PDB file of all heavy atoms in Angstrom:
ATOM      1  N   LYS A   1     -26.694 124.150  18.420  1.00  0.00           N
ATOM      2  CA  LYS A   1     -26.387 123.077  17.438  1.00  0.00           C
ATOM      3  C   LYS A   1     -24.899 122.893  17.202  1.00  0.00           C
ATOM      4  O   LYS A   1     -24.464 121.993  16.537  1.00  0.00           O
ATOM      5  CB  LYS A   1     -27.068 123.394  16.100  1.00  0.00           C
ATOM      6  CG  LYS A   1     -28.586 123.215  16.120  1.00  0.00           C
ATOM      7  CD  LYS A   1     -29.168 123.151  14.685  1.00  0.00           C
ATOM      8  CE  LYS A   1     -28.778 121.839  14.023  1.00  0.00           C
ATOM      9  NZ  LYS A   1     -29.413 121.689  12.725  1.00  0.00           N
ATOM     10  N   ASN A   2     -24.100 123.808  17.815  1.00  0.00           N
ATOM     11  CA  ASN A   2     -22.630 123.633  17.727  1.00  0.00           C
ATOM     12  C   ASN A   2     -22.087 123.664  16.339  1.00  0.00           C
ATOM     13  O   ASN A   2     -21.357 122.766  15.872  1.00  0.00           O
ATOM     14  CB  ASN A   2     -22.235 122.361  18.441  1.00  0.00           C
ATOM     15  CG  ASN A   2     -20.831 122.427  19.066  1.00  0.00           C
ATOM     16  OD1 ASN A   2     -20.697 123.272  20.017  1.00  0.00           O
ATOM     17  ND2 ASN A   2     -19.885 121.675  18.594  1.00  0.00           N
ATOM     18  N   TYR A   3     -22.455 124.693  15.563  1.00  0.00           N
ATOM     19  CA  TYR A   3     -21.900 124.856  14.239  1.00  0.00           C
ATOM     20  C   TYR A   3     -21.267 126.248  14.095  1.00  0.00           C
ATOM     21  O   TYR A   3     -21.392 127.067  15.008  1.00  0.00           O
ATOM     22  CB  TYR A   3     -22.969 124.663  13.142  1.00  0.00           C
ATOM     23  CG  TYR A   3     -24.120 125.603  13.116  1.00  0.00           C
ATOM     24  CD1 TYR A   3     -24.104 126.795  12.369  1.00  0.00           C
ATOM     25  CD2 TYR A   3     -25.284 125.329  13.837  1.00  0.00           C
ATOM     26  CE1 TYR A   3     -25.162 127.656  12.287  1.00  0.00           C
ATOM     27  CE2 TYR A   3     -26.370 126.221  13.770  1.00  0.00           C
ATOM     28  CZ  TYR A   3     -26.295 127.360  13.043  1.00  0.00           C
ATOM     29  OH  TYR A   3     -27.382 128.218  13.006  1.00  0.00           O
ATOM     30  N   THR A   4     -20.598 126.496  13.028  1.00  0.00           N
ATOM     31  CA  THR A   4     -19.852 127.720  12.815  1.00  0.00           C
ATOM     32  C   THR A   4     -20.321 128.406  11.550  1.00  0.00           C
ATOM     33  O   THR A   4     -20.511 127.784  10.531  1.00  0.00           O
ATOM     34  CB  THR A   4     -18.338 127.422  12.672  1.00  0.00           C
ATOM     35  OG1 THR A   4     -17.882 126.731  13.857  1.00  0.00           O
ATOM     36  CG2 THR A   4     -17.535 128.699  12.509  1.00  0.00           C
ATOM     37  N   VAL A   5     -20.515 129.720  11.670  1.00  0.00           N
ATOM     38  CA  VAL A   5     -20.802 130.552  10.495  1.00  0.00           C
ATOM     39  C   VAL A   5     -19.550 131.338  10.135  1.00  0.00           C
ATOM     40  O   VAL A   5     -18.995 132.052  10.971  1.00  0.00           O
ATOM     41  CB  VAL A   5     -21.987 131.528  10.783  1.00  0.00           C
ATOM     42  CG1 VAL A   5     -22.235 132.404   9.535  1.00  0.00           C
ATOM     43  CG2 VAL A   5     -23.248 130.725  11.143  1.00  0.00           C
ATOM     44  N   LEU A   6     -19.100 131.196   8.876  1.00  0.00           N
ATOM     45  CA  LEU A   6     -17.868 131.810   8.442  1.00  0.00           C
ATOM     46  C   LEU A   6     -18.149 132.749   7.227  1.00  0.00           C
ATOM     47  O   LEU A   6     -18.941 132.411   6.370  1.00  0.00           O
ATOM     48  CB  LEU A   6     -16.858 130.714   7.966  1.00  0.00           C
ATOM     49  CG  LEU A   6     -16.470 129.676   9.004  1.00  0.00           C
ATOM     50  CD1 LEU A   6     -15.948 128.433   8.347  1.00  0.00           C
ATOM     51  CD2 LEU A   6     -15.392 130.266   9.940  1.00  0.00           C
ATOM     52  N   GLY A   7     -17.488 133.878   7.259  1.00  0.00           N
ATOM     53  CA  GLY A   7     -17.616 134.783   6.131  1.00  0.00           C
ATOM     54  C   GLY A   7     -16.441 134.594   5.179  1.00  0.00           C
ATOM     55  O   GLY A   7     -15.334 134.209   5.560  1.00  0.00           O
ATOM     56  N   LEU A   8     -16.702 134.866   3.903  1.00  0.00           N
ATOM     57  CA  LEU A   8     -15.612 134.808   2.898  1.00  0.00           C
ATOM     58  C   LEU A   8     -15.712 136.013   1.950  1.00  0.00           C
ATOM     59  O   LEU A   8     -16.668 136.108   1.186  1.00  0.00           O
ATOM     60  CB  LEU A   8     -15.665 133.494   2.097  1.00  0.00           C
ATOM     61  CG  LEU A   8     -14.696 133.484   0.886  1.00  0.00           C
ATOM     62  CD1 LEU A   8     -13.224 133.612   1.408  1.00  0.00           C
ATOM     63  CD2 LEU A   8     -14.886 132.271   0.028  1.00  0.00           C
ATOM     64  N   HIS A   9     -14.739 136.896   2.010  1.00  0.00           N
ATOM     65  CA  HIS A   9     -14.588 137.956   1.032  1.00  0.00           C
ATOM     66  C   HIS A   9     -13.259 137.638   0.341  1.00  0.00           C
ATOM     67  O   HIS A   9     -12.208 138.104   0.802  1.00  0.00           O
ATOM     68  CB  HIS A   9     -14.593 139.305   1.710  1.00  0.00           C
ATOM     69  CG  HIS A   9     -14.402 140.471   0.760  1.00  0.00           C
ATOM     70  ND1 HIS A   9     -14.176 141.742   1.157  1.00  0.00           N
ATOM     71  CD2 HIS A   9     -14.417 140.520  -0.607  1.00  0.00           C
ATOM     72  CE1 HIS A   9     -14.022 142.514   0.133  1.00  0.00           C
ATOM     73  NE2 HIS A   9     -14.198 141.767  -0.953  1.00  0.00           N
ATOM     74  N   TRP A  10     -13.334 136.932  -0.792  1.00  0.00           N
ATOM     75  CA  TRP A  10     -12.112 136.461  -1.450  1.00  0.00           C
ATOM     76  C   TRP A  10     -11.222 137.647  -1.870  1.00  0.00           C
ATOM     77  O   TRP A  10     -10.014 137.551  -1.835  1.00  0.00           O
ATOM     78  CB  TRP A  10     -12.473 135.648  -2.713  1.00  0.00           C
ATOM     79  CG  TRP A  10     -11.272 135.429  -3.588  1.00  0.00           C
ATOM     80  CD1 TRP A  10     -10.261 134.535  -3.393  1.00  0.00           C
ATOM     81  CD2 TRP A  10     -10.973 136.144  -4.785  1.00  0.00           C
ATOM     82  NE1 TRP A  10      -9.358 134.652  -4.414  1.00  0.00           N
ATOM     83  CE2 TRP A  10      -9.745 135.611  -5.291  1.00  0.00           C
ATOM     84  CE3 TRP A  10     -11.625 137.154  -5.524  1.00  0.00           C
ATOM     85  CZ2 TRP A  10      -9.155 136.082  -6.444  1.00  0.00           C
ATOM     86  CZ3 TRP A  10     -11.000 137.634  -6.696  1.00  0.00           C
ATOM     87  CH2 TRP A  10      -9.804 137.080  -7.135  1.00  0.00           C
ATOM     88  N   GLY A  11     -11.857 138.779  -2.182  1.00  0.00           N
ATOM     89  CA  GLY A  11     -11.057 139.900  -2.692  1.00  0.00           C
ATOM     90  C   GLY A  11     -10.060 140.467  -1.692  1.00  0.00           C
ATOM     91  O   GLY A  11      -9.188 141.241  -2.062  1.00  0.00           O
ATOM     92  N   MET A  12     -10.172 140.091  -0.413  1.00  0.00           N
ATOM     93  CA  MET A  12      -9.240 140.577   0.581  1.00  0.00           C
ATOM     94  C   MET A  12      -7.914 139.831   0.559  1.00  0.00           C
ATOM     95  O   MET A  12      -6.883 140.359   0.974  1.00  0.00           O
ATOM     96  CB  MET A  12      -9.886 140.465   1.991  1.00  0.00           C
ATOM     97  CG  MET A  12     -11.075 141.347   2.212  1.00  0.00           C
ATOM     98  SD  MET A  12     -11.732 141.213   3.883  1.00  0.00           S
ATOM     99  CE  MET A  12     -10.431 142.012   4.841  1.00  0.00           C
ATOM    100  N   TYR A  13      -7.945 138.612   0.091  1.00  0.00           N
ATOM    101  CA  TYR A  13      -6.747 137.740   0.225  1.00  0.00           C
ATOM    102  C   TYR A  13      -5.534 138.234  -0.621  1.00  0.00           C
ATOM    103  O   TYR A  13      -4.418 138.168  -0.141  1.00  0.00           O
ATOM    104  CB  TYR A  13      -7.094 136.309  -0.159  1.00  0.00           C
ATOM    105  CG  TYR A  13      -7.788 135.581   0.973  1.00  0.00           C
ATOM    106  CD1 TYR A  13      -9.179 135.572   1.048  1.00  0.00           C
ATOM    107  CD2 TYR A  13      -7.077 134.971   1.993  1.00  0.00           C
ATOM    108  CE1 TYR A  13      -9.840 134.941   2.112  1.00  0.00           C
ATOM    109  CE2 TYR A  13      -7.702 134.342   3.042  1.00  0.00           C
ATOM    110  CZ  TYR A  13      -9.087 134.322   3.048  1.00  0.00           C
ATOM    111  OH  TYR A  13      -9.732 133.711   4.132  1.00  0.00           O
ATOM    112  N   PRO A  14      -5.751 138.711  -1.869  1.00  0.00           N
ATOM    113  CA  PRO A  14      -4.547 139.140  -2.642  1.00  0.00           C
ATOM    114  C   PRO A  14      -3.735 140.211  -1.899  1.00  0.00           C
ATOM    115  O   PRO A  14      -2.514 140.213  -2.021  1.00  0.00           O
ATOM    116  CB  PRO A  14      -5.190 139.662  -3.944  1.00  0.00           C
ATOM    117  CG  PRO A  14      -6.420 138.857  -4.127  1.00  0.00           C
ATOM    118  CD  PRO A  14      -6.958 138.756  -2.728  1.00  0.00           C
ATOM    119  N   GLY A  15      -4.414 141.095  -1.172  1.00  0.00           N
ATOM    120  CA  GLY A  15      -3.697 142.149  -0.502  1.00  0.00           C
ATOM    121  C   GLY A  15      -3.164 141.786   0.868  1.00  0.00           C
ATOM    122  O   GLY A  15      -2.163 142.345   1.340  1.00  0.00           O
ATOM    123  N   ILE A  16      -3.783 140.774   1.530  1.00  0.00           N
ATOM    124  CA  ILE A  16      -3.386 140.419   2.880  1.00  0.00           C
ATOM    125  C   ILE A  16      -2.630 139.098   2.947  1.00  0.00           C
ATOM    126  O   ILE A  16      -1.644 139.006   3.665  1.00  0.00           O
ATOM    127  CB  ILE A  16      -4.674 140.332   3.759  1.00  0.00           C
ATOM    128  CG1 ILE A  16      -5.358 141.699   3.834  1.00  0.00           C
ATOM    129  CG2 ILE A  16      -4.329 139.847   5.181  1.00  0.00           C
ATOM    130  CD1 ILE A  16      -6.696 141.655   4.550  1.00  0.00           C
ATOM    131  N   ARG A  17      -3.055 138.095   2.191  1.00  0.00           N
ATOM    132  CA  ARG A  17      -2.377 136.786   2.161  1.00  0.00           C
ATOM    133  C   ARG A  17      -2.141 136.332   0.753  1.00  0.00           C
ATOM    134  O   ARG A  17      -2.694 135.315   0.309  1.00  0.00           O
ATOM    135  CB  ARG A  17      -3.191 135.727   2.947  1.00  0.00           C
ATOM    136  CG  ARG A  17      -3.273 135.969   4.447  1.00  0.00           C
ATOM    137  CD  ARG A  17      -1.906 135.837   5.120  1.00  0.00           C
ATOM    138  NE  ARG A  17      -1.247 134.565   4.835  1.00  0.00           N
ATOM    139  CZ  ARG A  17      -1.395 133.434   5.527  1.00  0.00           C
ATOM    140  NH1 ARG A  17      -2.258 133.462   6.574  1.00  0.00           N
ATOM    141  NH2 ARG A  17      -0.753 132.340   5.223  1.00  0.00           N
ATOM    142  N   PRO A  18      -1.245 137.054   0.017  1.00  0.00           N
ATOM    143  CA  PRO A  18      -0.994 136.651  -1.379  1.00  0.00           C
ATOM    144  C   PRO A  18      -0.361 135.227  -1.488  1.00  0.00           C
ATOM    145  O   PRO A  18      -0.492 134.605  -2.512  1.00  0.00           O
ATOM    146  CB  PRO A  18       0.000 137.719  -1.857  1.00  0.00           C
ATOM    147  CG  PRO A  18       0.595 138.314  -0.653  1.00  0.00           C
ATOM    148  CD  PRO A  18      -0.489 138.214   0.374  1.00  0.00           C
ATOM    149  N   ASP A  19       0.249 134.783  -0.400  1.00  0.00           N
ATOM    150  CA  ASP A  19       0.814 133.394  -0.424  1.00  0.00           C
ATOM    151  C   ASP A  19      -0.292 132.385  -0.572  1.00  0.00           C
ATOM    152  O   ASP A  19      -0.118 131.379  -1.288  1.00  0.00           O
ATOM    153  CB  ASP A  19       1.592 133.132   0.867  1.00  0.00           C
ATOM    154  CG  ASP A  19       0.765 133.349   2.113  1.00  0.00           C
ATOM    155  OD1 ASP A  19       0.063 134.375   2.221  1.00  0.00           O
ATOM    156  OD2 ASP A  19       0.817 132.492   3.002  1.00  0.00           O
ATOM    157  N   LEU A  20      -1.430 132.616   0.055  1.00  0.00           N
ATOM    158  CA  LEU A  20      -2.561 131.667  -0.056  1.00  0.00           C
ATOM    159  C   LEU A  20      -3.175 131.743  -1.459  1.00  0.00           C
ATOM    160  O   LEU A  20      -3.609 130.692  -1.988  1.00  0.00           O
ATOM    161  CB  LEU A  20      -3.629 131.987   0.975  1.00  0.00           C
ATOM    162  CG  LEU A  20      -3.180 131.823   2.447  1.00  0.00           C
ATOM    163  CD1 LEU A  20      -4.317 132.245   3.358  1.00  0.00           C
ATOM    164  CD2 LEU A  20      -2.747 130.400   2.739  1.00  0.00           C
ATOM    165  N   VAL A  21      -3.188 132.909  -2.078  1.00  0.00           N
ATOM    166  CA  VAL A  21      -3.668 133.062  -3.417  1.00  0.00           C
ATOM    167  C   VAL A  21      -2.762 132.283  -4.377  1.00  0.00           C
ATOM    168  O   VAL A  21      -3.242 131.590  -5.298  1.00  0.00           O
ATOM    169  CB  VAL A  21      -3.717 134.563  -3.843  1.00  0.00           C
ATOM    170  CG1 VAL A  21      -4.107 134.680  -5.305  1.00  0.00           C
ATOM    171  CG2 VAL A  21      -4.722 135.288  -2.957  1.00  0.00           C
ATOM    172  N   ASP A  22      -1.460 132.358  -4.158  1.00  0.00           N
ATOM    173  CA  ASP A  22      -0.515 131.583  -4.999  1.00  0.00           C
ATOM    174  C   ASP A  22      -0.782 130.078  -4.852  1.00  0.00           C
ATOM    175  O   ASP A  22      -0.743 129.335  -5.838  1.00  0.00           O
ATOM    176  CB  ASP A  22       0.912 131.902  -4.599  1.00  0.00           C
ATOM    177  CG  ASP A  22       1.342 133.328  -5.046  1.00  0.00           C
ATOM    178  OD1 ASP A  22       0.709 133.874  -5.930  1.00  0.00           O
ATOM    179  OD2 ASP A  22       2.331 133.826  -4.475  1.00  0.00           O
ATOM    180  N   ASP A  23      -1.075 129.618  -3.627  1.00  0.00           N
ATOM    181  CA  ASP A  23      -1.329 128.236  -3.391  1.00  0.00           C
ATOM    182  C   ASP A  23      -2.585 127.798  -4.201  1.00  0.00           C
ATOM    183  O   ASP A  23      -2.620 126.744  -4.833  1.00  0.00           O
ATOM    184  CB  ASP A  23      -1.594 127.956  -1.912  1.00  0.00           C
ATOM    185  CG  ASP A  23      -0.322 128.042  -1.079  1.00  0.00           C
ATOM    186  OD1 ASP A  23       0.793 128.000  -1.660  1.00  0.00           O
ATOM    187  OD2 ASP A  23      -0.465 128.163   0.166  1.00  0.00           O
ATOM    188  N   ALA A  24      -3.635 128.655  -4.150  1.00  0.00           N
ATOM    189  CA  ALA A  24      -4.870 128.328  -4.835  1.00  0.00           C
ATOM    190  C   ALA A  24      -4.639 128.294  -6.354  1.00  0.00           C
ATOM    191  O   ALA A  24      -5.150 127.405  -7.047  1.00  0.00           O
ATOM    192  CB  ALA A  24      -5.957 129.377  -4.486  1.00  0.00           C
ATOM    193  N   ARG A  25      -3.877 129.254  -6.862  1.00  0.00           N
ATOM    194  CA  ARG A  25      -3.641 129.265  -8.308  1.00  0.00           C
ATOM    195  C   ARG A  25      -2.899 127.997  -8.782  1.00  0.00           C
ATOM    196  O   ARG A  25      -3.195 127.424  -9.818  1.00  0.00           O
ATOM    197  CB  ARG A  25      -2.798 130.518  -8.659  1.00  0.00           C
ATOM    198  CG  ARG A  25      -3.589 131.811  -8.522  1.00  0.00           C
ATOM    199  CD  ARG A  25      -2.653 132.990  -8.651  1.00  0.00           C
ATOM    200  NE  ARG A  25      -3.376 134.271  -8.631  1.00  0.00           N
ATOM    201  CZ  ARG A  25      -2.769 135.484  -8.582  1.00  0.00           C
ATOM    202  NH1 ARG A  25      -1.449 135.538  -8.546  1.00  0.00           N
ATOM    203  NH2 ARG A  25      -3.490 136.567  -8.572  1.00  0.00           N
ATOM    204  N   ARG A  26      -1.868 127.579  -8.001  1.00  0.00           N
ATOM    205  CA  ARG A  26      -1.165 126.393  -8.364  1.00  0.00           C
ATOM    206  C   ARG A  26      -2.045 125.167  -8.340  1.00  0.00           C
ATOM    207  O   ARG A  26      -1.987 124.319  -9.245  1.00  0.00           O
ATOM    208  CB  ARG A  26       0.011 126.158  -7.372  1.00  0.00           C
ATOM    209  CG  ARG A  26       1.249 127.034  -7.668  1.00  0.00           C
ATOM    210  CD  ARG A  26       2.403 126.614  -6.868  1.00  0.00           C
ATOM    211  NE  ARG A  26       2.235 126.835  -5.460  1.00  0.00           N
ATOM    212  CZ  ARG A  26       2.579 127.971  -4.839  1.00  0.00           C
ATOM    213  NH1 ARG A  26       3.158 128.969  -5.516  1.00  0.00           N
ATOM    214  NH2 ARG A  26       2.411 128.105  -3.528  1.00  0.00           N
ATOM    215  N   GLU A  27      -2.898 125.075  -7.340  1.00  0.00           N
ATOM    216  CA  GLU A  27      -3.790 123.913  -7.267  1.00  0.00           C
ATOM    217  C   GLU A  27      -4.862 123.934  -8.344  1.00  0.00           C
ATOM    218  O   GLU A  27      -5.135 122.904  -8.950  1.00  0.00           O
ATOM    219  CB  GLU A  27      -4.468 123.900  -5.902  1.00  0.00           C
ATOM    220  CG  GLU A  27      -5.404 122.734  -5.664  1.00  0.00           C
ATOM    221  CD  GLU A  27      -4.672 121.375  -5.637  1.00  0.00           C
ATOM    222  OE1 GLU A  27      -3.427 121.320  -5.725  1.00  0.00           O
ATOM    223  OE2 GLU A  27      -5.377 120.333  -5.596  1.00  0.00           O
ATOM    224  N   LEU A  28      -5.374 125.098  -8.688  1.00  0.00           N
ATOM    225  CA  LEU A  28      -6.349 125.163  -9.755  1.00  0.00           C
ATOM    226  C   LEU A  28      -5.748 124.797 -11.097  1.00  0.00           C
ATOM    227  O   LEU A  28      -6.371 124.161 -11.932  1.00  0.00           O
ATOM    228  CB  LEU A  28      -6.981 126.562  -9.801  1.00  0.00           C
ATOM    229  CG  LEU A  28      -7.884 126.965  -8.595  1.00  0.00           C
ATOM    230  CD1 LEU A  28      -8.303 128.368  -8.710  1.00  0.00           C
ATOM    231  CD2 LEU A  28      -9.083 126.035  -8.508  1.00  0.00           C
ATOM    232  N   THR A  29      -4.531 125.275 -11.345  1.00  0.00           N
ATOM    233  CA  THR A  29      -3.826 124.932 -12.586  1.00  0.00           C
ATOM    234  C   THR A  29      -3.614 123.419 -12.648  1.00  0.00           C
ATOM    235  O   THR A  29      -3.828 122.776 -13.716  1.00  0.00           O
ATOM    236  CB  THR A  29      -2.486 125.654 -12.640  1.00  0.00           C
ATOM    237  OG1 THR A  29      -2.718 127.066 -12.660  1.00  0.00           O
ATOM    238  CG2 THR A  29      -1.726 125.282 -13.925  1.00  0.00           C
ATOM    239  N   ARG A  30      -3.203 122.825 -11.523  1.00  0.00           N
ATOM    240  CA  ARG A  30      -2.981 121.390 -11.514  1.00  0.00           C
ATOM    241  C   ARG A  30      -4.258 120.619 -11.796  1.00  0.00           C
ATOM    242  O   ARG A  30      -4.306 119.697 -12.610  1.00  0.00           O
ATOM    243  CB  ARG A  30      -2.424 120.942 -10.138  1.00  0.00           C
ATOM    244  CG  ARG A  30      -2.079 119.476 -10.039  1.00  0.00           C
ATOM    245  CD  ARG A  30      -1.712 119.077  -8.645  1.00  0.00           C
ATOM    246  NE  ARG A  30      -2.872 119.055  -7.753  1.00  0.00           N
ATOM    247  CZ  ARG A  30      -3.753 118.111  -7.701  1.00  0.00           C
ATOM    248  NH1 ARG A  30      -3.650 117.030  -8.484  1.00  0.00           N
ATOM    249  NH2 ARG A  30      -4.753 118.156  -6.823  1.00  0.00           N
ATOM    250  N   LEU A  31      -5.338 121.034 -11.163  1.00  0.00           N
ATOM    251  CA  LEU A  31      -6.634 120.342 -11.364  1.00  0.00           C
ATOM    252  C   LEU A  31      -7.162 120.534 -12.793  1.00  0.00           C
ATOM    253  O   LEU A  31      -7.720 119.618 -13.376  1.00  0.00           O
ATOM    254  CB  LEU A  31      -7.633 120.833 -10.344  1.00  0.00           C
ATOM    255  CG  LEU A  31      -7.357 120.426  -8.875  1.00  0.00           C
ATOM    256  CD1 LEU A  31      -8.349 121.212  -7.956  1.00  0.00           C
ATOM    257  CD2 LEU A  31      -7.577 118.939  -8.677  1.00  0.00           C
TER     258      LEU A  31
END
């Protein structure tokens, strides 16, 4: 069927990609 299964463990991002967490926080505050 040509689709993708993706996992998400949000708790990993603060330690590995805190820059993306900052982006999300700014966007959530704006919204």
